[in-house]
C-alpha atoms as a PDB file:
ATOM      1  CA  MET A   1     -95.610 -21.345  -9.906  1.00  0.00           C
ATOM      2  CA  SER A   2     -97.935 -18.876  -7.652  1.00  0.00           C
ATOM      3  CA  LYS A   3    -101.650 -17.741  -8.726  1.00  0.00           C
ATOM      4  CA  HIS A   4    -100.198 -15.034 -10.743  1.00  0.00           C
ATOM      5  CA  SER A   5     -96.588 -14.320 -12.273  1.00  0.00           C
ATOM      6  CA  VAL A   6     -95.152 -11.502 -11.040  1.00  0.00           C
ATOM      7  CA  VAL A   7     -92.689  -9.895 -14.129  1.00  0.00           C
ATOM      8  CA  ILE A   8     -90.548  -6.783 -13.999  1.00  0.00           C
ATOM      9  CA  PHE A   9     -89.785  -4.757 -16.881  1.00  0.00           C
ATOM     10  CA  VAL A  10     -86.672  -2.574 -16.544  1.00  0.00           C
ATOM     11  CA  SER A  11     -85.451   0.351 -18.582  1.00  0.00           C
ATOM     12  CA  GLN A  12     -83.157   3.423 -17.534  1.00  0.00           C
ATOM     13  CA  ARG A  13     -85.377   6.135 -16.613  1.00  0.00           C
ATOM     14  CA  ASN A  14     -89.124   4.079 -15.676  1.00  0.00           C
ATOM     15  CA  SER A  15     -90.765   6.586 -17.846  1.00  0.00           C
ATOM     16  CA  LEU A  16     -91.632   5.154 -21.239  1.00  0.00           C
ATOM     17  CA  ARG A  17     -90.661   1.621 -22.075  1.00  0.00           C
ATOM     18  CA  SER A  18     -90.882  -0.065 -18.826  1.00  0.00           C
ATOM     19  CA  ILE A  19     -94.047   1.792 -18.236  1.00  0.00           C
ATOM     20  CA  LEU A  20     -95.622   0.905 -21.415  1.00  0.00           C
ATOM     21  CA  ALA A  21     -94.758  -3.024 -21.055  1.00  0.00           C
ATOM     22  CA  GLN A  22     -96.116  -2.873 -17.742  1.00  0.00           C
ATOM     23  CA  ALA A  23     -99.651  -1.412 -18.809  1.00  0.00           C
ATOM     24  CA  CYS A  24     -99.806  -3.817 -21.460  1.00  0.00           C
ATOM     25  CA  LEU A  25     -99.149  -6.953 -19.397  1.00  0.00           C
ATOM     26  CA  ALA A  26    -101.501  -5.635 -16.887  1.00  0.00           C
ATOM     27  CA  HIS A  27    -103.898  -4.993 -19.852  1.00  0.00           C
ATOM     28  CA  LEU A  28    -103.572  -8.503 -21.268  1.00  0.00           C
ATOM     29  CA  GLY A  29    -102.835 -10.797 -18.701  1.00  0.00           C
ATOM     30  CA  SER A  30    -106.270 -11.175 -17.463  1.00  0.00           C
ATOM     31  CA  GLY A  31    -105.328 -11.183 -13.887  1.00  0.00           C
ATOM     32  CA  ARG A  32    -102.468 -14.019 -14.401  1.00  0.00           C
ATOM     33  CA  PHE A  33    -100.048 -11.615 -14.118  1.00  0.00           C
ATOM     34  CA  LEU A  34     -98.581  -8.857 -11.479  1.00  0.00           C
ATOM     35  CA  ALA A  35     -96.449  -6.551 -13.818  1.00  0.00           C
ATOM     36  CA  LEU A  36     -94.150  -4.372 -12.357  1.00  0.00           C
ATOM     37  CA  SER A  37     -91.547  -1.799 -13.935  1.00  0.00           C
ATOM     38  CA  CYS A  38     -88.444   0.352 -12.197  1.00  0.00           C
ATOM     39  CA  GLY A  39     -85.387   1.985 -13.682  1.00  0.00           C
ATOM     40  CA  ARG A  40     -82.313   2.615 -12.822  1.00  0.00           C
ATOM     41  CA  PRO A  41     -81.151   4.082  -9.459  1.00  0.00           C
ATOM     42  CA  GLY A  42     -79.916   7.908 -10.033  1.00  0.00           C
ATOM     43  CA  MET A  43     -81.378   7.868 -13.650  1.00  0.00           C
ATOM     44  CA  LEU A  44     -84.933   7.701 -13.092  1.00  0.00           C
ATOM     45  CA  ALA A  45     -87.383  10.595 -14.384  1.00  0.00           C
ATOM     46  CA  ASP A  46     -89.624  12.541 -12.330  1.00  0.00           C
ATOM     47  CA  ALA A  47     -92.624  11.556 -14.036  1.00  0.00           C
ATOM     48  CA  ILE A  48     -94.136   9.209 -16.598  1.00  0.00           C
ATOM     49  CA  HIS A  49     -93.550  10.322 -20.114  1.00  0.00           C
ATOM     50  CA  PRO A  50     -96.265  12.189 -21.588  1.00  0.00           C
ATOM     51  CA  ALA A  51     -95.507  10.083 -24.587  1.00  0.00           C
ATOM     52  CA  ALA A  52     -96.103   6.931 -22.661  1.00  0.00           C
ATOM     53  CA  ILE A  53     -99.513   8.334 -21.168  1.00  0.00           C
ATOM     54  CA  GLY A  54    -100.794   9.579 -24.654  1.00  0.00           C
ATOM     55  CA  ALA A  55    -100.121   5.863 -26.223  1.00  0.00           C
ATOM     56  CA  LEU A  56    -101.572   4.143 -23.400  1.00  0.00           C
ATOM     57  CA  ASN A  57    -104.492   6.600 -23.464  1.00  0.00           C
ATOM     58  CA  SER A  58    -104.823   5.816 -27.384  1.00  0.00           C
ATOM     59  CA  ALA A  59    -104.944   2.000 -26.796  1.00  0.00           C
ATOM     60  CA  SER A  60    -107.704   2.573 -23.825  1.00  0.00           C
ATOM     61  CA  MET A  61    -104.873   1.056 -21.408  1.00  0.00           C
ATOM     62  CA  PRO A  62    -104.785   2.394 -17.851  1.00  0.00           C
ATOM     63  CA  ILE A  63    -101.951   4.183 -16.851  1.00  0.00           C
ATOM     64  CA  PRO A  64     -99.778   2.639 -13.824  1.00  0.00           C
ATOM     65  CA  ASN A  65    -100.398   4.479 -11.140  1.00  0.00           C
ATOM     66  CA  HIS A  66     -97.126   4.931  -9.714  1.00  0.00           C
ATOM     67  CA  ARG A  67     -94.284   7.207 -10.181  1.00  0.00           C
ATOM     68  CA  PRO A  68     -90.824   6.155 -11.598  1.00  0.00           C
ATOM     69  CA  ARG A  69     -89.033   3.894  -9.292  1.00  0.00           C
ATOM     70  CA  ASP A  70     -85.652   2.611  -9.123  1.00  0.00           C
ATOM     71  CA  TRP A  71     -85.202  -1.573  -9.179  1.00  0.00           C
ATOM     72  CA  ASN A  72     -84.039  -1.321  -5.832  1.00  0.00           C
ATOM     73  CA  ASP A  73     -87.753  -0.956  -4.342  1.00  0.00           C
ATOM     74  CA  LEU A  74     -88.311  -4.525  -6.060  1.00  0.00           C
ATOM     75  CA  ALA A  75     -85.292  -6.469  -5.438  1.00  0.00           C
ATOM     76  CA  ARG A  76     -85.770  -5.974  -1.648  1.00  0.00           C
ATOM     77  CA  PRO A  77     -85.787  -9.393  -0.144  1.00  0.00           C
ATOM     78  CA  SER A  78     -89.504  -8.433   1.432  1.00  0.00           C
ATOM     79  CA  ALA A  79     -90.556  -7.166  -2.446  1.00  0.00           C
ATOM     80  CA  ALA A  80     -92.685  -9.726  -4.832  1.00  0.00           C
ATOM     81  CA  ARG A  81     -90.829 -12.237  -5.881  1.00  0.00           C
ATOM     82  CA  ALA A  82     -90.496 -12.451  -9.653  1.00  0.00           C
ATOM     83  CA  GLU A  83     -90.362 -15.264 -12.035  1.00  0.00           C
ATOM     84  CA  PHE A  84     -89.691 -12.861 -14.698  1.00  0.00           C
ATOM     85  CA  VAL A  85     -87.439  -9.725 -15.179  1.00  0.00           C
ATOM     86  CA  ILE A  86     -87.357  -8.286 -18.712  1.00  0.00           C
ATOM     87  CA  THR A  87     -85.024  -5.563 -19.339  1.00  0.00           C
ATOM     88  CA  LEU A  88     -85.885  -3.321 -22.366  1.00  0.00           C
ATOM     89  CA  ASP A  89     -82.934  -0.996 -22.419  1.00  0.00           C
ATOM     90  CA  GLU A  90     -79.567  -2.448 -23.252  1.00  0.00           C
ATOM     91  CA  THR A  91     -77.598  -0.291 -21.224  1.00  0.00           C
ATOM     92  CA  THR A  92     -78.978  -0.987 -18.052  1.00  0.00           C
ATOM     93  CA  SER A  93     -78.240  -5.191 -18.263  1.00  0.00           C
ATOM     94  CA  SER A  94     -75.018  -4.993 -16.502  1.00  0.00           C
ATOM     95  CA  PHE A  95     -75.903  -2.660 -13.628  1.00  0.00           C
ATOM     96  CA  GLN A  96     -79.307  -4.798 -12.398  1.00  0.00           C
ATOM     97  CA  PRO A  97     -79.203  -6.028  -8.877  1.00  0.00           C
ATOM     98  CA  ARG A  98     -79.260  -9.590  -7.583  1.00  0.00           C
ATOM     99  CA  TRP A  99     -83.219 -10.490  -8.156  1.00  0.00           C
ATOM    100  CA  PRO A 100     -84.441 -12.354  -5.016  1.00  0.00           C
ATOM    101  CA  GLY A 101     -85.326 -15.894  -6.282  1.00  0.00           C
ATOM    102  CA  GLN A 102     -83.317 -16.042  -9.445  1.00  0.00           C
ATOM    103  CA  PRO A 103     -86.004 -15.213 -11.911  1.00  0.00           C
ATOM    104  CA  ASP A 104     -85.637 -16.077 -15.887  1.00  0.00           C
ATOM    105  CA  SER A 105     -84.571 -12.938 -17.375  1.00  0.00           C
ATOM    106  CA  ALA A 106     -84.401 -11.653 -20.876  1.00  0.00           C
ATOM    107  CA  LEU A 107     -83.431  -8.543 -23.023  1.00  0.00           C
ATOM    108  CA  TRP A 108     -85.830  -6.953 -25.430  1.00  0.00           C
ATOM    109  CA  ALA A 109     -83.800  -4.068 -26.675  1.00  0.00           C
ATOM    110  CA  PHE A 110     -85.946  -1.068 -28.001  1.00  0.00           C
ATOM    111  CA  PRO A 111     -84.592   2.126 -28.422  1.00  0.00           C
ATOM    112  CA  ASP A 112     -84.554   5.017 -26.021  1.00  0.00           C
ATOM    113  CA  VAL A 113     -87.116   6.849 -27.980  1.00  0.00           C
ATOM    114  CA  ALA A 114     -87.830   9.544 -25.376  1.00  0.00           C
ATOM    115  CA  ALA A 115     -84.236  10.495 -26.190  1.00  0.00           C
ATOM    116  CA  ALA A 116     -85.402  11.900 -29.742  1.00  0.00           C
ATOM    117  CA  GLY A 117     -86.197  15.467 -28.708  1.00  0.00           C
ATOM    118  CA  ASP A 118     -89.259  16.585 -31.269  1.00  0.00           C
ATOM    119  CA  PRO A 119     -92.659  15.971 -29.043  1.00  0.00           C
ATOM    120  CA  GLU A 120     -94.216  14.635 -32.117  1.00  0.00           C
ATOM    121  CA  LYS A 121     -91.621  12.197 -33.271  1.00  0.00           C
ATOM    122  CA  VAL A 122     -91.774  10.553 -29.675  1.00  0.00           C
ATOM    123  CA  ALA A 123     -95.484  10.187 -29.561  1.00  0.00           C
ATOM    124  CA  HIS A 124     -95.088   8.571 -32.619  1.00  0.00           C
ATOM    125  CA  LEU A 125     -92.479   6.092 -31.435  1.00  0.00           C
ATOM    126  CA  ALA A 126     -94.118   5.303 -28.609  1.00  0.00           C
ATOM    127  CA  ILE A 127     -97.399   4.326 -29.989  1.00  0.00           C
ATOM    128  CA  GLN A 128     -95.161   2.212 -32.276  1.00  0.00           C
ATOM    129  CA  MET A 129     -93.126   0.962 -29.417  1.00  0.00           C
ATOM    130  CA  LEU A 130     -96.717   0.380 -27.108  1.00  0.00           C
ATOM    131  CA  TYR A 131     -98.046  -2.325 -30.484  1.00  0.00           C
ATOM    132  CA  ALA A 132     -94.437  -3.974 -30.845  1.00  0.00           C
ATOM    133  CA  LEU A 133     -94.440  -4.771 -26.943  1.00  0.00           C
ATOM    134  CA  ARG A 134     -98.578  -6.124 -27.348  1.00  0.00           C
ATOM    135  CA  ARG A 135     -97.363  -8.587 -29.837  1.00  0.00           C
ATOM    136  CA  ARG A 136     -94.587  -9.537 -27.798  1.00  0.00           C
ATOM    137  CA  LEU A 137     -96.890  -9.846 -24.973  1.00  0.00           C
ATOM    138  CA  GLU A 138     -99.709 -11.536 -26.400  1.00  0.00           C
ATOM    139  CA  LEU A 139     -97.570 -14.493 -27.504  1.00  0.00           C
ATOM    140  CA  PHE A 140     -95.927 -14.386 -23.779  1.00  0.00           C
ATOM    141  CA  VAL A 141     -99.542 -14.862 -21.846  1.00  0.00           C
ATOM    142  CA  SER A 142    -100.256 -17.382 -24.316  1.00  0.00           C
ATOM    143  CA  LEU A 143     -97.062 -19.459 -23.327  1.00  0.00           C
ATOM    144  CA  PRO A 144     -98.306 -22.632 -20.948  1.00  0.00           C
ATOM    145  CA  LEU A 145     -96.504 -21.289 -17.683  1.00  0.00           C
ATOM    146  CA  GLN A 146     -98.062 -23.960 -15.575  1.00  0.00           C
ATOM    147  CA  GLY A 147     -96.292 -27.423 -15.319  1.00  0.00           C
ATOM    148  CA  THR A 148     -93.937 -26.448 -18.458  1.00  0.00           C
ATOM    149  CA  ASP A 149     -89.956 -27.054 -18.538  1.00  0.00           C
ATOM    150  CA  ARG A 150     -88.507 -24.098 -16.860  1.00  0.00           C
ATOM    151  CA  ALA A 151     -85.624 -24.210 -19.592  1.00  0.00           C
ATOM    152  CA  ALA A 152     -88.371 -24.090 -22.497  1.00  0.00           C
ATOM    153  CA  ILE A 153     -90.390 -21.118 -20.676  1.00  0.00           C
ATOM    154  CA  ARG A 154     -86.474 -19.476 -20.726  1.00  0.00           C
ATOM    155  CA  SER A 155     -86.340 -20.119 -24.316  1.00  0.00           C
ATOM    156  CA  ASP A 156     -89.616 -18.922 -25.187  1.00  0.00           C
ATOM    157  CA  LEU A 157     -89.140 -15.773 -23.522  1.00  0.00           C
ATOM    158  CA  ARG A 158     -85.636 -14.772 -24.854  1.00  0.00           C
ATOM    159  CA  ASP A 159     -86.805 -15.937 -28.178  1.00  0.00           C
ATOM    160  CA  LEU A 160     -89.511 -13.155 -28.083  1.00  0.00           C
ATOM    161  CA  ALA A 161     -86.877 -10.348 -28.128  1.00  0.00           C
ATOM    162  CA  HIS A 162     -85.811 -11.831 -31.727  1.00  0.00           C
ATOM    163  CA  MET A 163     -89.548 -10.507 -32.921  1.00  0.00           C
ATOM    164  CA  ARG A 164     -89.504  -7.507 -35.437  1.00  0.00           C
END
């Protein structure tokens, strides 16, 4: 693997789940990871969800400095080649493009809390989601990615989906 591992987080609108995951990995990764996020073309939000901004601010994590983007930006042959693609939304998994370089992938299904409606409830659920993502990503960053059997890493990545 390269000096840093590229990890792409995918959710439907790229406004909350994938933004939280991207920011959390960037925070925890100590420069070992390039965390990116994207969503499904035609389904993107106009901006990062306010609940994601609130949750990241409460955890003192920097907010990614990009607008929601679709996966076509990250699936181009000229884009950074990902080692890992983590899908956070089960409904998008069957629509995703072929990612260059055949990255290891996993589905870490999280509910669409942005659809909850009530802003207070969404804000509370976003904070809970951030902490659940943080627990998984703390384990992910502790995996020995250099010199380890790729099948073992793929298995560990997928096993993290079953954490509660």
